[in-house]
N, C-alpha and C. Protein backbone atom coordinates (compact mmCIF):
# COMPACT_ATOMS: atom_id res chain seq x y z
N MET A 1 -14.25 -8.16 -19.06
CA MET A 1 -13.70 -8.89 -17.93
C MET A 1 -14.75 -8.92 -16.82
N THR A 2 -14.90 -10.04 -16.18
CA THR A 2 -15.87 -10.17 -15.09
C THR A 2 -15.17 -9.96 -13.76
N PRO A 3 -15.92 -9.58 -12.73
CA PRO A 3 -15.31 -9.41 -11.41
C PRO A 3 -14.58 -10.68 -10.99
N SER A 4 -13.50 -10.50 -10.27
CA SER A 4 -12.66 -11.62 -9.86
C SER A 4 -12.66 -11.78 -8.35
N PRO A 5 -12.77 -13.01 -7.85
CA PRO A 5 -12.65 -13.21 -6.41
C PRO A 5 -11.19 -13.15 -5.95
N VAL A 6 -10.27 -13.07 -6.90
CA VAL A 6 -8.85 -13.01 -6.57
C VAL A 6 -8.47 -11.57 -6.25
N PRO A 7 -7.78 -11.35 -5.12
CA PRO A 7 -7.34 -9.98 -4.81
C PRO A 7 -6.35 -9.48 -5.85
N ARG A 8 -6.39 -8.19 -6.08
CA ARG A 8 -5.49 -7.53 -7.03
C ARG A 8 -4.54 -6.62 -6.28
N PHE A 9 -3.32 -6.44 -6.80
CA PHE A 9 -2.38 -5.56 -6.11
C PHE A 9 -1.72 -4.59 -7.06
N ARG A 10 -1.27 -3.51 -6.47
CA ARG A 10 -0.42 -2.51 -7.12
C ARG A 10 0.63 -2.11 -6.11
N VAL A 11 1.79 -1.76 -6.60
CA VAL A 11 2.83 -1.16 -5.78
C VAL A 11 2.94 0.28 -6.24
N HIS A 12 2.86 1.19 -5.28
CA HIS A 12 2.87 2.61 -5.64
C HIS A 12 3.96 3.34 -4.85
N PRO A 13 4.84 4.06 -5.55
CA PRO A 13 5.86 4.83 -4.84
C PRO A 13 5.24 6.01 -4.10
N SER A 14 5.84 6.35 -2.96
CA SER A 14 5.35 7.50 -2.19
C SER A 14 6.53 8.11 -1.44
N PRO A 15 6.34 9.27 -0.84
CA PRO A 15 7.42 9.87 -0.05
C PRO A 15 7.83 9.04 1.17
N VAL A 16 7.00 8.10 1.59
CA VAL A 16 7.34 7.25 2.74
C VAL A 16 7.75 5.84 2.30
N GLY A 17 8.02 5.66 1.03
CA GLY A 17 8.44 4.37 0.49
C GLY A 17 7.36 3.76 -0.38
N ASP A 18 7.69 2.63 -0.97
CA ASP A 18 6.72 1.92 -1.81
C ASP A 18 5.56 1.45 -0.94
N ILE A 19 4.36 1.58 -1.46
CA ILE A 19 3.15 1.17 -0.75
C ILE A 19 2.51 0.02 -1.51
N LEU A 20 2.25 -1.06 -0.79
CA LEU A 20 1.54 -2.20 -1.36
C LEU A 20 0.04 -1.97 -1.15
N ILE A 21 -0.69 -1.95 -2.24
CA ILE A 21 -2.14 -1.80 -2.22
C ILE A 21 -2.74 -3.12 -2.69
N VAL A 22 -3.58 -3.73 -1.87
CA VAL A 22 -4.26 -4.96 -2.25
C VAL A 22 -5.76 -4.71 -2.12
N ALA A 23 -6.48 -5.00 -3.19
CA ALA A 23 -7.92 -4.76 -3.20
C ALA A 23 -8.66 -6.03 -3.58
N THR A 24 -9.88 -6.12 -3.08
CA THR A 24 -10.79 -7.19 -3.47
C THR A 24 -11.97 -6.52 -4.16
N ASP A 25 -12.94 -7.30 -4.54
CA ASP A 25 -14.14 -6.71 -5.15
C ASP A 25 -14.95 -5.91 -4.14
N ASP A 26 -14.60 -6.01 -2.84
CA ASP A 26 -15.30 -5.26 -1.79
C ASP A 26 -14.59 -3.98 -1.39
N GLY A 27 -13.36 -3.78 -1.79
CA GLY A 27 -12.63 -2.57 -1.44
C GLY A 27 -11.17 -2.86 -1.14
N ILE A 28 -10.51 -1.89 -0.52
CA ILE A 28 -9.10 -2.02 -0.16
C ILE A 28 -9.00 -2.96 1.04
N ALA A 29 -8.21 -4.03 0.89
CA ALA A 29 -8.05 -5.01 1.96
C ALA A 29 -6.72 -4.84 2.69
N TRP A 30 -5.76 -4.21 2.03
CA TRP A 30 -4.42 -4.07 2.62
C TRP A 30 -3.77 -2.86 1.97
N LEU A 31 -3.15 -2.00 2.77
CA LEU A 31 -2.46 -0.85 2.22
C LEU A 31 -1.39 -0.44 3.22
N HIS A 32 -0.13 -0.67 2.86
CA HIS A 32 1.00 -0.38 3.76
C HIS A 32 2.26 -0.05 2.98
N PRO A 33 3.09 0.86 3.52
CA PRO A 33 4.46 0.95 3.00
C PRO A 33 5.19 -0.34 3.36
N PHE A 34 6.13 -0.74 2.52
CA PHE A 34 6.87 -1.97 2.81
C PHE A 34 8.30 -1.84 2.34
N GLU A 35 9.18 -2.65 2.95
CA GLU A 35 10.60 -2.67 2.59
C GLU A 35 11.08 -4.03 2.16
N SER A 36 10.44 -5.09 2.65
CA SER A 36 10.90 -6.44 2.32
C SER A 36 10.60 -6.74 0.85
N PRO A 37 11.15 -7.81 0.32
CA PRO A 37 10.86 -8.15 -1.08
C PRO A 37 9.35 -8.28 -1.33
N LEU A 38 8.91 -7.85 -2.49
CA LEU A 38 7.50 -7.88 -2.83
C LEU A 38 6.89 -9.26 -2.66
N GLY A 39 7.60 -10.29 -3.09
CA GLY A 39 7.08 -11.66 -2.97
C GLY A 39 6.78 -12.04 -1.53
N VAL A 40 7.62 -11.60 -0.60
CA VAL A 40 7.40 -11.89 0.82
C VAL A 40 6.13 -11.19 1.29
N GLU A 41 5.96 -9.94 0.89
CA GLU A 41 4.76 -9.19 1.28
C GLU A 41 3.50 -9.83 0.69
N LEU A 42 3.56 -10.19 -0.57
CA LEU A 42 2.39 -10.80 -1.22
C LEU A 42 2.05 -12.14 -0.58
N ASP A 43 3.06 -12.91 -0.21
CA ASP A 43 2.80 -14.19 0.48
C ASP A 43 2.11 -13.95 1.81
N ARG A 44 2.57 -12.94 2.55
CA ARG A 44 1.99 -12.62 3.86
C ARG A 44 0.53 -12.20 3.71
N VAL A 45 0.28 -11.31 2.76
CA VAL A 45 -1.10 -10.85 2.52
C VAL A 45 -1.95 -12.00 1.99
N GLY A 46 -1.39 -12.78 1.08
CA GLY A 46 -2.12 -13.92 0.53
C GLY A 46 -2.51 -14.92 1.60
N LEU A 47 -1.63 -15.15 2.55
CA LEU A 47 -1.94 -16.05 3.65
C LEU A 47 -3.11 -15.50 4.47
N ALA A 48 -3.07 -14.22 4.77
CA ALA A 48 -4.15 -13.60 5.54
C ALA A 48 -5.48 -13.64 4.78
N LEU A 49 -5.43 -13.37 3.48
CA LEU A 49 -6.65 -13.33 2.67
C LEU A 49 -7.05 -14.71 2.13
N ARG A 50 -6.16 -15.68 2.27
CA ARG A 50 -6.36 -17.04 1.73
C ARG A 50 -6.48 -17.05 0.21
N ALA A 51 -5.79 -16.10 -0.41
CA ALA A 51 -5.73 -16.01 -1.87
C ALA A 51 -4.57 -15.09 -2.22
N VAL A 52 -3.63 -15.57 -3.00
CA VAL A 52 -2.47 -14.76 -3.36
C VAL A 52 -2.89 -13.69 -4.36
N PRO A 53 -2.61 -12.41 -4.04
CA PRO A 53 -2.97 -11.33 -4.97
C PRO A 53 -2.23 -11.44 -6.29
N VAL A 54 -2.90 -11.01 -7.34
CA VAL A 54 -2.31 -10.95 -8.67
C VAL A 54 -2.27 -9.48 -9.09
N PRO A 55 -1.44 -9.14 -10.07
CA PRO A 55 -1.36 -7.73 -10.47
C PRO A 55 -2.73 -7.18 -10.90
N ALA A 56 -2.97 -5.94 -10.53
CA ALA A 56 -4.20 -5.27 -10.93
C ALA A 56 -4.20 -5.04 -12.43
N ALA A 57 -5.40 -5.00 -12.99
CA ALA A 57 -5.55 -4.74 -14.43
C ALA A 57 -5.13 -3.31 -14.73
N ASP A 58 -4.78 -3.08 -15.99
CA ASP A 58 -4.44 -1.72 -16.39
C ASP A 58 -5.70 -0.86 -16.49
N ALA A 59 -5.50 0.42 -16.70
CA ALA A 59 -6.63 1.36 -16.69
C ALA A 59 -7.71 0.98 -17.70
N ALA A 60 -7.32 0.49 -18.86
CA ALA A 60 -8.30 0.15 -19.89
C ALA A 60 -9.20 -1.00 -19.47
N SER A 61 -8.69 -1.93 -18.68
CA SER A 61 -9.47 -3.10 -18.26
C SER A 61 -10.10 -2.93 -16.88
N ALA A 62 -9.66 -1.96 -16.12
CA ALA A 62 -10.08 -1.83 -14.73
C ALA A 62 -11.56 -1.52 -14.56
N ALA A 63 -12.18 -0.92 -15.57
CA ALA A 63 -13.60 -0.57 -15.44
C ALA A 63 -14.48 -1.79 -15.18
N ASP A 64 -14.07 -2.94 -15.70
CA ASP A 64 -14.85 -4.17 -15.53
C ASP A 64 -14.33 -5.06 -14.40
N ASP A 65 -13.38 -4.56 -13.64
CA ASP A 65 -12.76 -5.34 -12.56
C ASP A 65 -12.74 -4.48 -11.30
N PRO A 66 -13.72 -4.67 -10.40
CA PRO A 66 -13.81 -3.81 -9.22
C PRO A 66 -12.52 -3.75 -8.40
N ALA A 67 -11.86 -4.88 -8.19
CA ALA A 67 -10.64 -4.88 -7.38
C ALA A 67 -9.56 -4.01 -8.02
N SER A 68 -9.38 -4.13 -9.31
CA SER A 68 -8.39 -3.30 -10.01
C SER A 68 -8.78 -1.82 -9.95
N ARG A 69 -10.06 -1.54 -10.09
CA ARG A 69 -10.54 -0.16 -10.02
C ARG A 69 -10.28 0.43 -8.63
N PHE A 70 -10.55 -0.34 -7.57
CA PHE A 70 -10.30 0.14 -6.21
C PHE A 70 -8.81 0.41 -6.00
N ALA A 71 -7.96 -0.47 -6.54
CA ALA A 71 -6.51 -0.26 -6.41
C ALA A 71 -6.09 1.01 -7.14
N MET A 72 -6.65 1.25 -8.33
CA MET A 72 -6.35 2.48 -9.07
C MET A 72 -6.84 3.71 -8.32
N ASP A 73 -8.03 3.63 -7.74
CA ASP A 73 -8.57 4.74 -6.96
C ASP A 73 -7.66 5.05 -5.77
N ALA A 74 -7.10 4.02 -5.16
CA ALA A 74 -6.19 4.22 -4.03
C ALA A 74 -4.95 4.98 -4.47
N VAL A 75 -4.42 4.65 -5.64
CA VAL A 75 -3.26 5.36 -6.16
C VAL A 75 -3.58 6.84 -6.31
N VAL A 76 -4.72 7.15 -6.88
CA VAL A 76 -5.12 8.55 -7.09
C VAL A 76 -5.24 9.27 -5.75
N GLU A 77 -5.94 8.64 -4.79
CA GLU A 77 -6.16 9.31 -3.50
C GLU A 77 -4.87 9.44 -2.71
N LEU A 78 -3.98 8.45 -2.78
CA LEU A 78 -2.68 8.57 -2.12
C LEU A 78 -1.88 9.72 -2.71
N ASP A 79 -1.85 9.83 -4.03
CA ASP A 79 -1.13 10.95 -4.67
C ASP A 79 -1.71 12.29 -4.23
N GLU A 80 -3.03 12.39 -4.17
CA GLU A 80 -3.67 13.63 -3.72
C GLU A 80 -3.29 13.94 -2.28
N TYR A 81 -3.27 12.92 -1.43
CA TYR A 81 -2.89 13.10 -0.03
C TYR A 81 -1.44 13.59 0.07
N PHE A 82 -0.53 12.92 -0.60
CA PHE A 82 0.87 13.30 -0.51
C PHE A 82 1.15 14.64 -1.17
N ASP A 83 0.32 15.04 -2.13
CA ASP A 83 0.46 16.37 -2.74
C ASP A 83 -0.17 17.46 -1.89
N GLY A 84 -0.84 17.09 -0.80
CA GLY A 84 -1.48 18.06 0.09
C GLY A 84 -2.87 18.46 -0.34
N ASP A 85 -3.45 17.74 -1.31
CA ASP A 85 -4.77 18.09 -1.83
C ASP A 85 -5.90 17.25 -1.25
N ARG A 86 -5.59 16.28 -0.42
CA ARG A 86 -6.63 15.41 0.17
C ARG A 86 -6.38 15.31 1.66
N ARG A 87 -7.45 15.47 2.43
CA ARG A 87 -7.36 15.38 3.88
C ARG A 87 -8.09 14.16 4.44
N GLN A 88 -8.92 13.55 3.62
CA GLN A 88 -9.70 12.39 4.05
C GLN A 88 -9.81 11.42 2.88
N PHE A 89 -9.69 10.15 3.17
CA PHE A 89 -9.79 9.13 2.13
C PHE A 89 -11.23 8.66 1.99
N ASP A 90 -11.65 8.47 0.76
CA ASP A 90 -13.02 8.05 0.46
C ASP A 90 -13.07 6.64 -0.12
N LEU A 91 -12.02 5.89 0.08
CA LEU A 91 -11.93 4.55 -0.48
C LEU A 91 -12.80 3.56 0.29
N PRO A 92 -13.46 2.66 -0.41
CA PRO A 92 -14.16 1.59 0.31
C PRO A 92 -13.12 0.63 0.90
N LEU A 93 -13.34 0.24 2.13
CA LEU A 93 -12.41 -0.67 2.79
C LEU A 93 -13.06 -2.04 2.94
N ASP A 94 -12.29 -3.06 2.69
CA ASP A 94 -12.71 -4.44 2.90
C ASP A 94 -12.17 -4.84 4.28
N TRP A 95 -13.06 -4.94 5.25
CA TRP A 95 -12.70 -5.15 6.65
C TRP A 95 -12.54 -6.62 7.01
N ARG A 96 -12.44 -7.52 6.06
CA ARG A 96 -12.44 -8.97 6.38
C ARG A 96 -11.30 -9.40 7.29
N LEU A 97 -10.21 -8.65 7.35
CA LEU A 97 -9.08 -9.02 8.20
C LEU A 97 -9.14 -8.37 9.58
N VAL A 98 -10.24 -7.69 9.87
CA VAL A 98 -10.38 -6.96 11.13
C VAL A 98 -11.59 -7.49 11.88
N ARG A 99 -11.41 -7.74 13.17
CA ARG A 99 -12.49 -8.31 13.96
C ARG A 99 -12.71 -7.52 15.26
N GLY A 100 -13.91 -7.57 15.78
CA GLY A 100 -14.26 -7.10 17.11
C GLY A 100 -13.82 -5.69 17.44
N PHE A 101 -13.21 -5.56 18.62
CA PHE A 101 -12.81 -4.24 19.09
C PHE A 101 -11.80 -3.58 18.17
N THR A 102 -10.99 -4.37 17.49
CA THR A 102 -10.01 -3.78 16.57
C THR A 102 -10.71 -2.90 15.54
N ARG A 103 -11.82 -3.36 15.02
CA ARG A 103 -12.55 -2.53 14.06
C ARG A 103 -13.10 -1.28 14.72
N ASP A 104 -13.66 -1.42 15.92
CA ASP A 104 -14.17 -0.24 16.64
C ASP A 104 -13.05 0.78 16.83
N ALA A 105 -11.88 0.29 17.22
CA ALA A 105 -10.75 1.19 17.43
C ALA A 105 -10.33 1.88 16.14
N LEU A 106 -10.24 1.11 15.06
CA LEU A 106 -9.83 1.70 13.78
C LEU A 106 -10.87 2.67 13.24
N GLU A 107 -12.14 2.38 13.48
CA GLU A 107 -13.20 3.34 13.08
C GLU A 107 -13.04 4.63 13.88
N ALA A 108 -12.69 4.52 15.17
CA ALA A 108 -12.46 5.72 15.98
C ALA A 108 -11.25 6.49 15.47
N VAL A 109 -10.21 5.77 15.08
CA VAL A 109 -9.01 6.41 14.52
C VAL A 109 -9.37 7.20 13.26
N ARG A 110 -10.25 6.66 12.46
CA ARG A 110 -10.66 7.36 11.23
C ARG A 110 -11.30 8.71 11.52
N ARG A 111 -11.81 8.90 12.73
CA ARG A 111 -12.46 10.16 13.09
C ARG A 111 -11.50 11.21 13.64
N ILE A 112 -10.22 10.86 13.80
CA ILE A 112 -9.24 11.86 14.26
C ILE A 112 -9.02 12.82 13.10
N PRO A 113 -9.26 14.12 13.31
CA PRO A 113 -9.14 15.07 12.21
C PRO A 113 -7.71 15.15 11.63
N TYR A 114 -7.66 15.42 10.37
CA TYR A 114 -6.40 15.65 9.65
C TYR A 114 -5.57 16.68 10.41
N GLY A 115 -4.30 16.39 10.58
CA GLY A 115 -3.39 17.33 11.22
C GLY A 115 -3.43 17.30 12.74
N GLU A 116 -4.29 16.48 13.31
CA GLU A 116 -4.38 16.38 14.77
C GLU A 116 -3.95 14.99 15.21
N THR A 117 -3.70 14.86 16.51
CA THR A 117 -3.36 13.56 17.07
C THR A 117 -4.27 13.30 18.26
N ALA A 118 -4.32 12.04 18.66
CA ALA A 118 -5.07 11.63 19.84
C ALA A 118 -4.29 10.53 20.53
N GLY A 119 -4.43 10.46 21.84
CA GLY A 119 -3.76 9.41 22.61
C GLY A 119 -4.49 8.09 22.49
N TYR A 120 -3.78 7.02 22.80
CA TYR A 120 -4.39 5.69 22.77
C TYR A 120 -5.61 5.62 23.68
N GLY A 121 -5.52 6.24 24.86
CA GLY A 121 -6.65 6.26 25.78
C GLY A 121 -7.84 7.01 25.23
N GLU A 122 -7.58 8.12 24.56
CA GLU A 122 -8.67 8.90 23.94
C GLU A 122 -9.37 8.07 22.87
N VAL A 123 -8.60 7.35 22.08
CA VAL A 123 -9.19 6.51 21.04
C VAL A 123 -10.01 5.38 21.68
N ALA A 124 -9.50 4.82 22.79
CA ALA A 124 -10.24 3.76 23.49
C ALA A 124 -11.60 4.27 23.94
N ILE A 125 -11.65 5.47 24.48
CA ILE A 125 -12.92 6.06 24.90
C ILE A 125 -13.83 6.26 23.70
N ALA A 126 -13.28 6.80 22.63
CA ALA A 126 -14.08 7.03 21.41
C ALA A 126 -14.59 5.72 20.82
N ALA A 127 -13.86 4.63 21.06
CA ALA A 127 -14.26 3.31 20.55
C ALA A 127 -15.22 2.59 21.50
N GLY A 128 -15.49 3.21 22.64
CA GLY A 128 -16.47 2.65 23.56
C GLY A 128 -15.92 1.76 24.65
N SER A 129 -14.62 1.81 24.87
CA SER A 129 -14.03 0.96 25.91
C SER A 129 -12.88 1.71 26.57
N GLU A 130 -13.20 2.52 27.56
CA GLU A 130 -12.24 3.46 28.14
C GLU A 130 -10.97 2.82 28.70
N ARG A 131 -11.01 1.55 29.05
CA ARG A 131 -9.84 0.90 29.63
C ARG A 131 -9.02 0.10 28.60
N ALA A 132 -9.28 0.32 27.33
CA ALA A 132 -8.67 -0.50 26.29
C ALA A 132 -7.56 0.20 25.52
N ALA A 133 -6.79 1.07 26.19
CA ALA A 133 -5.72 1.78 25.49
C ALA A 133 -4.71 0.82 24.87
N ARG A 134 -4.36 -0.25 25.59
CA ARG A 134 -3.41 -1.22 25.03
C ARG A 134 -4.01 -1.92 23.81
N ALA A 135 -5.29 -2.22 23.87
CA ALA A 135 -5.95 -2.86 22.73
C ALA A 135 -5.96 -1.91 21.52
N VAL A 136 -6.07 -0.62 21.77
CA VAL A 136 -5.98 0.36 20.68
C VAL A 136 -4.58 0.30 20.07
N GLY A 137 -3.57 0.19 20.91
CA GLY A 137 -2.20 0.06 20.41
C GLY A 137 -2.04 -1.16 19.53
N THR A 138 -2.64 -2.27 19.96
CA THR A 138 -2.58 -3.49 19.17
C THR A 138 -3.32 -3.32 17.85
N ALA A 139 -4.48 -2.68 17.90
CA ALA A 139 -5.25 -2.43 16.67
C ALA A 139 -4.43 -1.60 15.69
N CYS A 140 -3.78 -0.56 16.19
CA CYS A 140 -2.97 0.29 15.32
C CYS A 140 -1.77 -0.48 14.75
N ALA A 141 -1.18 -1.32 15.58
CA ALA A 141 0.00 -2.08 15.14
C ALA A 141 -0.34 -3.17 14.14
N THR A 142 -1.57 -3.66 14.19
CA THR A 142 -1.94 -4.79 13.32
C THR A 142 -2.91 -4.42 12.22
N THR A 143 -3.21 -3.14 12.06
CA THR A 143 -4.16 -2.72 11.03
C THR A 143 -3.71 -3.17 9.64
N PRO A 144 -4.64 -3.63 8.83
CA PRO A 144 -4.27 -3.93 7.44
C PRO A 144 -4.19 -2.66 6.58
N PHE A 145 -4.60 -1.54 7.15
CA PHE A 145 -4.61 -0.28 6.40
C PHE A 145 -3.81 0.77 7.17
N SER A 146 -2.73 1.27 6.60
CA SER A 146 -2.11 2.44 7.22
C SER A 146 -2.25 3.58 6.21
N VAL A 147 -1.98 4.75 6.65
CA VAL A 147 -2.15 6.00 5.90
C VAL A 147 -3.64 6.27 5.69
N VAL A 148 -4.38 5.39 5.00
CA VAL A 148 -5.80 5.66 4.72
C VAL A 148 -6.67 5.51 5.97
N VAL A 149 -6.27 4.68 6.91
CA VAL A 149 -6.81 4.69 8.28
C VAL A 149 -5.63 5.25 9.07
N PRO A 150 -5.73 6.51 9.50
CA PRO A 150 -4.55 7.26 9.95
C PRO A 150 -4.03 6.88 11.34
N VAL A 151 -3.56 5.64 11.47
CA VAL A 151 -3.02 5.20 12.75
C VAL A 151 -1.79 6.02 13.16
N HIS A 152 -1.20 6.72 12.20
CA HIS A 152 -0.07 7.61 12.54
C HIS A 152 -0.51 8.76 13.43
N ARG A 153 -1.79 9.06 13.49
CA ARG A 153 -2.30 10.16 14.32
C ARG A 153 -2.48 9.76 15.78
N VAL A 154 -2.26 8.49 16.10
CA VAL A 154 -2.41 8.02 17.47
C VAL A 154 -1.05 8.04 18.14
N VAL A 155 -0.98 8.74 19.28
CA VAL A 155 0.29 8.94 19.99
C VAL A 155 0.16 8.49 21.44
N ARG A 156 1.27 8.42 22.10
CA ARG A 156 1.29 8.06 23.52
C ARG A 156 0.68 9.19 24.35
N ALA A 157 0.29 8.85 25.58
CA ALA A 157 -0.34 9.84 26.47
C ALA A 157 0.55 11.04 26.72
N ASP A 158 1.87 10.85 26.72
CA ASP A 158 2.79 11.97 26.96
C ASP A 158 3.07 12.78 25.69
N GLY A 159 2.42 12.40 24.58
CA GLY A 159 2.59 13.12 23.32
C GLY A 159 3.71 12.57 22.44
N SER A 160 4.51 11.65 22.97
CA SER A 160 5.56 11.07 22.13
C SER A 160 4.93 10.16 21.08
N LEU A 161 5.65 9.94 20.02
CA LEU A 161 5.08 9.28 18.85
C LEU A 161 4.80 7.80 19.00
N GLY A 162 5.73 7.05 19.52
CA GLY A 162 5.61 5.60 19.48
C GLY A 162 6.27 5.07 18.23
N GLU A 163 6.09 3.81 17.97
CA GLU A 163 6.88 3.10 16.97
C GLU A 163 6.40 3.18 15.52
N TYR A 164 5.16 2.93 15.25
CA TYR A 164 4.62 2.88 13.88
C TYR A 164 5.29 1.77 13.09
N GLY A 165 5.12 0.55 13.57
CA GLY A 165 5.65 -0.62 12.87
C GLY A 165 7.17 -0.63 12.79
N GLY A 166 7.82 -0.06 13.78
CA GLY A 166 9.27 -0.02 13.77
C GLY A 166 9.84 1.11 12.93
N HIS A 167 8.98 2.00 12.46
CA HIS A 167 9.44 3.11 11.61
C HIS A 167 8.87 4.44 12.12
N PRO A 168 9.36 4.89 13.29
CA PRO A 168 8.83 6.16 13.82
C PRO A 168 9.10 7.34 12.89
N GLU A 169 10.14 7.22 12.04
CA GLU A 169 10.43 8.31 11.10
C GLU A 169 9.31 8.47 10.08
N VAL A 170 8.64 7.38 9.72
CA VAL A 170 7.50 7.46 8.80
C VAL A 170 6.34 8.15 9.51
N LYS A 171 6.10 7.79 10.76
CA LYS A 171 5.03 8.42 11.53
C LYS A 171 5.30 9.92 11.66
N ARG A 172 6.54 10.28 11.98
CA ARG A 172 6.91 11.70 12.11
C ARG A 172 6.67 12.41 10.78
N TRP A 173 7.07 11.79 9.67
CA TRP A 173 6.91 12.42 8.36
C TRP A 173 5.43 12.67 8.08
N LEU A 174 4.58 11.68 8.34
CA LEU A 174 3.15 11.81 8.07
C LEU A 174 2.52 12.90 8.93
N ILE A 175 2.87 12.95 10.20
CA ILE A 175 2.33 14.00 11.08
C ILE A 175 2.82 15.36 10.64
N ASP A 176 4.12 15.48 10.37
CA ASP A 176 4.66 16.76 9.90
C ASP A 176 4.00 17.19 8.59
N HIS A 177 3.80 16.24 7.70
CA HIS A 177 3.14 16.53 6.41
C HIS A 177 1.76 17.12 6.66
N GLU A 178 0.99 16.48 7.52
CA GLU A 178 -0.37 16.96 7.79
C GLU A 178 -0.39 18.29 8.54
N GLN A 179 0.62 18.53 9.34
CA GLN A 179 0.64 19.76 10.11
C GLN A 179 1.40 20.87 9.39
N GLY A 180 1.77 20.61 8.13
CA GLY A 180 2.40 21.64 7.29
C GLY A 180 3.78 22.05 7.75
N ARG A 181 4.52 21.10 8.30
CA ARG A 181 5.86 21.42 8.79
C ARG A 181 6.94 21.01 7.82
N GLY A 182 6.69 21.19 6.55
CA GLY A 182 7.73 21.01 5.54
C GLY A 182 8.09 19.59 5.18
N ALA A 183 7.24 18.64 5.53
CA ALA A 183 7.57 17.26 5.21
C ALA A 183 7.26 16.91 3.77
N GLY A 184 6.60 17.73 3.07
CA GLY A 184 6.33 17.31 1.71
C GLY A 184 5.31 18.15 1.10
């Protein structure tokens, strides 16, 4: 099988719900828990990527298909994370859906240590724009990658959690999991 310009997807169950993983030949392009019907999610991602994802190849064929291999690697690393055996993700990310300061902010978020949190203002400073706390919030809310880019570690200045895409319980679970408070 030759590399494909078509994005590949997998749906993977996790303690925070099913996770849609979409990969290209450049890396993971989208990774989020989701609740809506799969077709709706794939249409949304396909619109953003300008190519509707197709199912990833199975393990036997994935060696010759980078996108399928990246999707499989994501499954392995997510399982390790949720089992408590991984603290940092080593997946290649395809940043094509991220532009400008949003990428700077998400790169700063990636540097927040496992089990710790940082405020939006702190992330803005780390991203090189001390007055951009709201822009950090927007970057976290619109990231194509959650969990593997740990936007759940970004909290309000008063220490309260914030929304996490309308699911603060998922954010709480992820923080508790990392801080060893019995979440999983």
